[in-house]
Amino acid sequence: MDSIADWKHTFAIEIKSTIEAEQNLSKNTRDYLALRGNDGCRGAVFYLGDLTLSINGIDYVSWKDWGNYPMK
């Protein structure tokens, strides 16, 4: 995991320099979220692919959408 951000919500964020949205990219974020329990913290992977999507509850945010990602 690369960063923890507290805006209106807490986010565990990973930043990856790949174009493939693979579940293993969020392993550290998923591990961190599991340690926190169900406290509302959200996970996100910012990557260089073209699609923004969700894989097993983790948002994979395309480089095209970084500026529009809803941090709320």
PDB file of N, CA and C in Angstrom:
ATOM      1  N   MET A   1       0.848  -1.156   0.000  1.00  0.00           N
ATOM      2  CA  MET A   1       0.000   0.000   0.000  1.00  0.00           C
ATOM      3  C   MET A   1       0.899   1.225   0.000  1.00  0.00           C
ATOM      4  N   ASP A   2       0.512   2.217  -0.761  1.00  0.00           N
ATOM      5  CA  ASP A   2       1.357   3.390  -0.924  1.00  0.00           C
ATOM      6  C   ASP A   2       0.959   4.569  -0.051  1.00  0.00           C
ATOM      7  N   SER A   3      -0.336   4.689   0.263  1.00  0.00           N
ATOM      8  CA  SER A   3      -0.767   5.885   0.980  1.00  0.00           C
ATOM      9  C   SER A   3      -2.086   5.623   1.705  1.00  0.00           C
ATOM     10  N   ILE A   4      -2.267   6.353   2.796  1.00  0.00           N
ATOM     11  CA  ILE A   4      -3.550   6.413   3.486  1.00  0.00           C
ATOM     12  C   ILE A   4      -4.001   7.864   3.380  1.00  0.00           C
ATOM     13  N   ALA A   5      -5.213   8.075   2.922  1.00  0.00           N
ATOM     14  CA  ALA A   5      -5.717   9.436   2.755  1.00  0.00           C
ATOM     15  C   ALA A   5      -6.998   9.600   3.561  1.00  0.00           C
ATOM     16  N   ASP A   6      -7.111  10.693   4.257  1.00  0.00           N
ATOM     17  CA  ASP A   6      -8.329  11.025   4.997  1.00  0.00           C
ATOM     18  C   ASP A   6      -8.909  12.310   4.429  1.00  0.00           C
ATOM     19  N   TRP A   7      -9.964  12.156   3.631  1.00  0.00           N
ATOM     20  CA  TRP A   7     -10.731  13.298   3.171  1.00  0.00           C
ATOM     21  C   TRP A   7     -12.045  13.207   3.921  1.00  0.00           C
ATOM     22  N   LYS A   8     -13.132  13.155   3.229  1.00  0.00           N
ATOM     23  CA  LYS A   8     -14.418  12.924   3.891  1.00  0.00           C
ATOM     24  C   LYS A   8     -14.562  11.458   4.272  1.00  0.00           C
ATOM     25  N   HIS A   9     -13.671  10.642   3.748  1.00  0.00           N
ATOM     26  CA  HIS A   9     -13.657   9.199   3.957  1.00  0.00           C
ATOM     27  C   HIS A   9     -12.196   8.774   4.038  1.00  0.00           C
ATOM     28  N   THR A  10     -11.902   7.638   4.647  1.00  0.00           N
ATOM     29  CA  THR A  10     -10.529   7.145   4.685  1.00  0.00           C
ATOM     30  C   THR A  10     -10.319   6.195   3.513  1.00  0.00           C
ATOM     31  N   PHE A  11      -9.200   6.389   2.812  1.00  0.00           N
ATOM     32  CA  PHE A  11      -8.865   5.569   1.654  1.00  0.00           C
ATOM     33  C   PHE A  11      -7.489   4.953   1.832  1.00  0.00           C
ATOM     34  N   ALA A  12      -7.379   3.682   1.507  1.00  0.00           N
ATOM     35  CA  ALA A  12      -6.080   3.019   1.372  1.00  0.00           C
ATOM     36  C   ALA A  12      -5.802   2.996  -0.134  1.00  0.00           C
ATOM     37  N   ILE A  13      -4.678   3.585  -0.541  1.00  0.00           N
ATOM     38  CA  ILE A  13      -4.417   3.794  -1.965  1.00  0.00           C
ATOM     39  C   ILE A  13      -3.115   3.126  -2.385  1.00  0.00           C
ATOM     40  N   GLU A  14      -3.182   2.436  -3.513  1.00  0.00           N
ATOM     41  CA  GLU A  14      -1.970   1.923  -4.156  1.00  0.00           C
ATOM     42  C   GLU A  14      -1.851   2.595  -5.514  1.00  0.00           C
ATOM     43  N   ILE A  15      -0.630   2.893  -5.909  1.00  0.00           N
ATOM     44  CA  ILE A  15      -0.364   3.517  -7.203  1.00  0.00           C
ATOM     45  C   ILE A  15       0.527   2.567  -7.991  1.00  0.00           C
ATOM     46  N   LYS A  16       0.067   2.187  -9.175  1.00  0.00           N
ATOM     47  CA  LYS A  16       0.774   1.190  -9.976  1.00  0.00           C
ATOM     48  C   LYS A  16       1.077   1.725 -11.367  1.00  0.00           C
ATOM     49  N   SER A  17       2.212   1.323 -11.908  1.00  0.00           N
ATOM     50  CA  SER A  17       2.623   1.767 -13.242  1.00  0.00           C
ATOM     51  C   SER A  17       2.391   0.655 -14.270  1.00  0.00           C
ATOM     52  N   THR A  18       1.220   0.062 -14.226  1.00  0.00           N
ATOM     53  CA  THR A  18       0.853  -0.984 -15.166  1.00  0.00           C
ATOM     54  C   THR A  18      -0.442  -0.610 -15.870  1.00  0.00           C
ATOM     55  N   ILE A  19      -0.689  -1.213 -17.027  1.00  0.00           N
ATOM     56  CA  ILE A  19      -1.938  -0.956 -17.743  1.00  0.00           C
ATOM     57  C   ILE A  19      -2.967  -2.051 -17.482  1.00  0.00           C
ATOM     58  N   GLU A  20      -2.587  -3.109 -16.784  1.00  0.00           N
ATOM     59  CA  GLU A  20      -3.477  -4.239 -16.518  1.00  0.00           C
ATOM     60  C   GLU A  20      -4.127  -4.107 -15.145  1.00  0.00           C
ATOM     61  N   ALA A  21      -5.440  -4.243 -15.093  1.00  0.00           N
ATOM     62  CA  ALA A  21      -6.175  -4.212 -13.817  1.00  0.00           C
ATOM     63  C   ALA A  21      -6.272  -5.647 -13.312  1.00  0.00           C
ATOM     64  N   GLU A  22      -5.333  -6.050 -12.501  1.00  0.00           N
ATOM     65  CA  GLU A  22      -5.299  -7.407 -11.980  1.00  0.00           C
ATOM     66  C   GLU A  22      -5.559  -7.381 -10.475  1.00  0.00           C
ATOM     67  N   GLN A  23      -6.265  -8.379  -9.988  1.00  0.00           N
ATOM     68  CA  GLN A  23      -6.623  -8.438  -8.574  1.00  0.00           C
ATOM     69  C   GLN A  23      -5.395  -8.383  -7.676  1.00  0.00           C
ATOM     70  N   ASN A  24      -4.284  -8.965  -8.102  1.00  0.00           N
ATOM     71  CA  ASN A  24      -3.093  -8.998  -7.236  1.00  0.00           C
ATOM     72  C   ASN A  24      -2.478  -7.611  -7.026  1.00  0.00           C
ATOM     73  N   LEU A  25      -2.866  -6.627  -7.801  1.00  0.00           N
ATOM     74  CA  LEU A  25      -2.348  -5.268  -7.601  1.00  0.00           C
ATOM     75  C   LEU A  25      -2.812  -4.675  -6.274  1.00  0.00           C
ATOM     76  N   SER A  26      -3.929  -5.153  -5.771  1.00  0.00           N
ATOM     77  CA  SER A  26      -4.492  -4.577  -4.551  1.00  0.00           C
ATOM     78  C   SER A  26      -4.274  -5.457  -3.319  1.00  0.00           C
ATOM     79  N   LYS A  27      -3.366  -6.415  -3.382  1.00  0.00           N
ATOM     80  CA  LYS A  27      -3.165  -7.328  -2.264  1.00  0.00           C
ATOM     81  C   LYS A  27      -2.872  -6.594  -0.961  1.00  0.00           C
ATOM     82  N   ASN A  28      -1.953  -5.660  -0.969  1.00  0.00           N
ATOM     83  CA  ASN A  28      -1.605  -4.939   0.255  1.00  0.00           C
ATOM     84  C   ASN A  28      -2.771  -4.091   0.767  1.00  0.00           C
ATOM     85  N   THR A  29      -3.516  -3.501  -0.146  1.00  0.00           N
ATOM     86  CA  THR A  29      -4.683  -2.717   0.261  1.00  0.00           C
ATOM     87  C   THR A  29      -5.729  -3.618   0.879  1.00  0.00           C
ATOM     88  N   ARG A  30      -6.004  -4.775   0.272  1.00  0.00           N
ATOM     89  CA  ARG A  30      -6.982  -5.704   0.835  1.00  0.00           C
ATOM     90  C   ARG A  30      -6.542  -6.201   2.204  1.00  0.00           C
ATOM     91  N   ASP A  31      -5.259  -6.495   2.365  1.00  0.00           N
ATOM     92  CA  ASP A  31      -4.744  -6.922   3.671  1.00  0.00           C
ATOM     93  C   ASP A  31      -4.950  -5.832   4.722  1.00  0.00           C
ATOM     94  N   TYR A  32      -4.660  -4.582   4.352  1.00  0.00           N
ATOM     95  CA  TYR A  32      -4.840  -3.462   5.276  1.00  0.00           C
ATOM     96  C   TYR A  32      -6.299  -3.291   5.661  1.00  0.00           C
ATOM     97  N   LEU A  33      -7.191  -3.356   4.682  1.00  0.00           N
ATOM     98  CA  LEU A  33      -8.615  -3.209   4.959  1.00  0.00           C
ATOM     99  C   LEU A  33      -9.110  -4.332   5.876  1.00  0.00           C
ATOM    100  N   ALA A  34      -8.596  -5.539   5.690  1.00  0.00           N
ATOM    101  CA  ALA A  34      -8.982  -6.661   6.551  1.00  0.00           C
ATOM    102  C   ALA A  34      -8.545  -6.415   7.990  1.00  0.00           C
ATOM    103  N   LEU A  35      -7.375  -5.826   8.175  1.00  0.00           N
ATOM    104  CA  LEU A  35      -6.900  -5.515   9.525  1.00  0.00           C
ATOM    105  C   LEU A  35      -7.772  -4.457  10.207  1.00  0.00           C
ATOM    106  N   ARG A  36      -8.271  -3.527   9.425  1.00  0.00           N
ATOM    107  CA  ARG A  36      -9.113  -2.455   9.984  1.00  0.00           C
ATOM    108  C   ARG A  36     -10.508  -2.934  10.319  1.00  0.00           C
ATOM    109  N   GLY A  37     -10.918  -4.029   9.723  1.00  0.00           N
ATOM    110  CA  GLY A  37     -12.281  -4.506   9.949  1.00  0.00           C
ATOM    111  C   GLY A  37     -13.265  -3.734   9.090  1.00  0.00           C
ATOM    112  N   ASN A  38     -14.483  -3.677   9.535  1.00  0.00           N
ATOM    113  CA  ASN A  38     -15.543  -3.027   8.762  1.00  0.00           C
ATOM    114  C   ASN A  38     -15.781  -1.615   9.284  1.00  0.00           C
ATOM    115  N   ASP A  39     -14.759  -0.752   9.167  1.00  0.00           N
ATOM    116  CA  ASP A  39     -14.896   0.605   9.699  1.00  0.00           C
ATOM    117  C   ASP A  39     -15.167   1.657   8.625  1.00  0.00           C
ATOM    118  N   GLY A  40     -15.442   1.220   7.394  1.00  0.00           N
ATOM    119  CA  GLY A  40     -15.788   2.154   6.330  1.00  0.00           C
ATOM    120  C   GLY A  40     -14.622   2.630   5.482  1.00  0.00           C
ATOM    121  N   CYS A  41     -13.409   2.204   5.796  1.00  0.00           N
ATOM    122  CA  CYS A  41     -12.253   2.562   4.971  1.00  0.00           C
ATOM    123  C   CYS A  41     -12.425   1.927   3.593  1.00  0.00           C
ATOM    124  N   ARG A  42     -12.094   2.689   2.553  1.00  0.00           N
ATOM    125  CA  ARG A  42     -12.216   2.195   1.179  1.00  0.00           C
ATOM    126  C   ARG A  42     -10.842   2.021   0.564  1.00  0.00           C
ATOM    127  N   GLY A  43     -10.757   1.124  -0.418  1.00  0.00           N
ATOM    128  CA  GLY A  43      -9.496   0.882  -1.101  1.00  0.00           C
ATOM    129  C   GLY A  43      -9.558   1.292  -2.556  1.00  0.00           C
ATOM    130  N   ALA A  44      -8.428   1.781  -3.061  1.00  0.00           N
ATOM    131  CA  ALA A  44      -8.355   2.176  -4.463  1.00  0.00           C
ATOM    132  C   ALA A  44      -6.958   1.894  -5.006  1.00  0.00           C
ATOM    133  N   VAL A  45      -6.912   1.475  -6.259  1.00  0.00           N
ATOM    134  CA  VAL A  45      -5.655   1.313  -6.992  1.00  0.00           C
ATOM    135  C   VAL A  45      -5.707   2.303  -8.149  1.00  0.00           C
ATOM    136  N   PHE A  46      -4.762   3.213  -8.179  1.00  0.00           N
ATOM    137  CA  PHE A  46      -4.634   4.147  -9.295  1.00  0.00           C
ATOM    138  C   PHE A  46      -3.603   3.541 -10.246  1.00  0.00           C
ATOM    139  N   TYR A  47      -4.000   3.328 -11.510  1.00  0.00           N
ATOM    140  CA  TYR A  47      -3.120   2.631 -12.441  1.00  0.00           C
ATOM    141  C   TYR A  47      -3.208   3.262 -13.822  1.00  0.00           C
ATOM    142  N   LEU A  48      -2.393   2.771 -14.752  1.00  0.00           N
ATOM    143  CA  LEU A  48      -2.272   3.395 -16.071  1.00  0.00           C
ATOM    144  C   LEU A  48      -3.170   2.789 -17.139  1.00  0.00           C
ATOM    145  N   GLY A  49      -4.107   1.942 -16.741  1.00  0.00           N
ATOM    146  CA  GLY A  49      -5.042   1.357 -17.702  1.00  0.00           C
ATOM    147  C   GLY A  49      -6.104   2.348 -18.132  1.00  0.00           C
ATOM    148  N   ASP A  50      -6.933   1.933 -19.088  1.00  0.00           N
ATOM    149  CA  ASP A  50      -7.948   2.822 -19.663  1.00  0.00           C
ATOM    150  C   ASP A  50      -9.323   2.696 -19.011  1.00  0.00           C
ATOM    151  N   LEU A  51      -9.550   1.664 -18.200  1.00  0.00           N
ATOM    152  CA  LEU A  51     -10.865   1.430 -17.619  1.00  0.00           C
ATOM    153  C   LEU A  51     -10.861   1.652 -16.114  1.00  0.00           C
ATOM    154  N   THR A  52     -11.889   2.326 -15.622  1.00  0.00           N
ATOM    155  CA  THR A  52     -12.114   2.430 -14.186  1.00  0.00           C
ATOM    156  C   THR A  52     -13.166   1.384 -13.841  1.00  0.00           C
ATOM    157  N   LEU A  53     -12.860   0.538 -12.868  1.00  0.00           N
ATOM    158  CA  LEU A  53     -13.751  -0.549 -12.505  1.00  0.00           C
ATOM    159  C   LEU A  53     -13.524  -0.956 -11.064  1.00  0.00           C
ATOM    160  N   SER A  54     -14.332  -1.879 -10.586  1.00  0.00           N
ATOM    161  CA  SER A  54     -14.195  -2.398  -9.232  1.00  0.00           C
ATOM    162  C   SER A  54     -13.930  -3.893  -9.312  1.00  0.00           C
ATOM    163  N   ILE A  55     -12.941  -4.364  -8.546  1.00  0.00           N
ATOM    164  CA  ILE A  55     -12.639  -5.787  -8.465  1.00  0.00           C
ATOM    165  C   ILE A  55     -12.644  -6.160  -6.987  1.00  0.00           C
ATOM    166  N   ASN A  56     -13.587  -7.000  -6.602  1.00  0.00           N
ATOM    167  CA  ASN A  56     -13.721  -7.456  -5.218  1.00  0.00           C
ATOM    168  C   ASN A  56     -13.743  -6.302  -4.211  1.00  0.00           C
ATOM    169  N   GLY A  57     -14.483  -5.259  -4.527  1.00  0.00           N
ATOM    170  CA  GLY A  57     -14.651  -4.153  -3.598  1.00  0.00           C
ATOM    171  C   GLY A  57     -13.554  -3.107  -3.605  1.00  0.00           C
ATOM    172  N   ILE A  58     -12.552  -3.276  -4.454  1.00  0.00           N
ATOM    173  CA  ILE A  58     -11.470  -2.299  -4.577  1.00  0.00           C
ATOM    174  C   ILE A  58     -11.663  -1.560  -5.899  1.00  0.00           C
ATOM    175  N   ASP A  59     -11.647  -0.223  -5.849  1.00  0.00           N
ATOM    176  CA  ASP A  59     -11.763   0.573  -7.074  1.00  0.00           C
ATOM    177  C   ASP A  59     -10.425   0.608  -7.791  1.00  0.00           C
ATOM    178  N   TYR A  60     -10.434   0.280  -9.071  1.00  0.00           N
ATOM    179  CA  TYR A  60      -9.264   0.418  -9.932  1.00  0.00           C
ATOM    180  C   TYR A  60      -9.534   1.645 -10.795  1.00  0.00           C
ATOM    181  N   VAL A  61      -8.768   2.689 -10.572  1.00  0.00           N
ATOM    182  CA  VAL A  61      -9.044   3.983 -11.184  1.00  0.00           C
ATOM    183  C   VAL A  61      -8.064   4.229 -12.320  1.00  0.00           C
ATOM    184  N   SER A  62      -8.601   4.376 -13.520  1.00  0.00           N
ATOM    185  CA  SER A  62      -7.805   4.654 -14.715  1.00  0.00           C
ATOM    186  C   SER A  62      -7.131   6.023 -14.610  1.00  0.00           C
ATOM    187  N   TRP A  63      -5.999   6.150 -15.257  1.00  0.00           N
ATOM    188  CA  TRP A  63      -5.295   7.431 -15.290  1.00  0.00           C
ATOM    189  C   TRP A  63      -6.208   8.525 -15.844  1.00  0.00           C
ATOM    190  N   LYS A  64      -7.149   8.146 -16.704  1.00  0.00           N
ATOM    191  CA  LYS A  64      -8.061   9.118 -17.298  1.00  0.00           C
ATOM    192  C   LYS A  64      -9.025   9.715 -16.261  1.00  0.00           C
ATOM    193  N   ASP A  65      -9.256   8.983 -15.178  1.00  0.00           N
ATOM    194  CA  ASP A  65     -10.246   9.393 -14.187  1.00  0.00           C
ATOM    195  C   ASP A  65      -9.645   9.850 -12.862  1.00  0.00           C
ATOM    196  N   TRP A  66      -8.333   9.928 -12.764  1.00  0.00           N
ATOM    197  CA  TRP A  66      -7.705  10.297 -11.488  1.00  0.00           C
ATOM    198  C   TRP A  66      -8.266  11.587 -10.934  1.00  0.00           C
ATOM    199  N   GLY A  67      -8.432  12.591 -11.759  1.00  0.00           N
ATOM    200  CA  GLY A  67      -8.911  13.891 -11.287  1.00  0.00           C
ATOM    201  C   GLY A  67     -10.387  13.921 -10.952  1.00  0.00           C
ATOM    202  N   ASN A  68     -11.130  12.913 -11.411  1.00  0.00           N
ATOM    203  CA  ASN A  68     -12.570  12.876 -11.178  1.00  0.00           C
ATOM    204  C   ASN A  68     -12.996  11.816 -10.185  1.00  0.00           C
ATOM    205  N   TYR A  69     -12.032  11.136  -9.567  1.00  0.00           N
ATOM    206  CA  TYR A  69     -12.374  10.060  -8.640  1.00  0.00           C
ATOM    207  C   TYR A  69     -13.085  10.665  -7.419  1.00  0.00           C
ATOM    208  N   PRO A  70     -14.260  10.135  -7.093  1.00  0.00           N
ATOM    209  CA  PRO A  70     -15.034  10.711  -5.980  1.00  0.00           C
ATOM    210  C   PRO A  70     -14.446  10.352  -4.614  1.00  0.00           C
ATOM    211  N   MET A  71     -13.742  11.266  -4.022  1.00  0.00           N
ATOM    212  CA  MET A  71     -13.141  11.049  -2.706  1.00  0.00           C
ATOM    213  C   MET A  71     -14.141  11.445  -1.614  1.00  0.00           C
ATOM    214  N   LYS A  72     -15.305  10.811  -1.637  1.00  0.00           N
ATOM    215  CA  LYS A  72     -16.302  11.124  -0.609  1.00  0.00           C
ATOM    216  C   LYS A  72     -16.957   9.874  -0.111  1.00  0.00           C
TER     217      LYS A  72
END
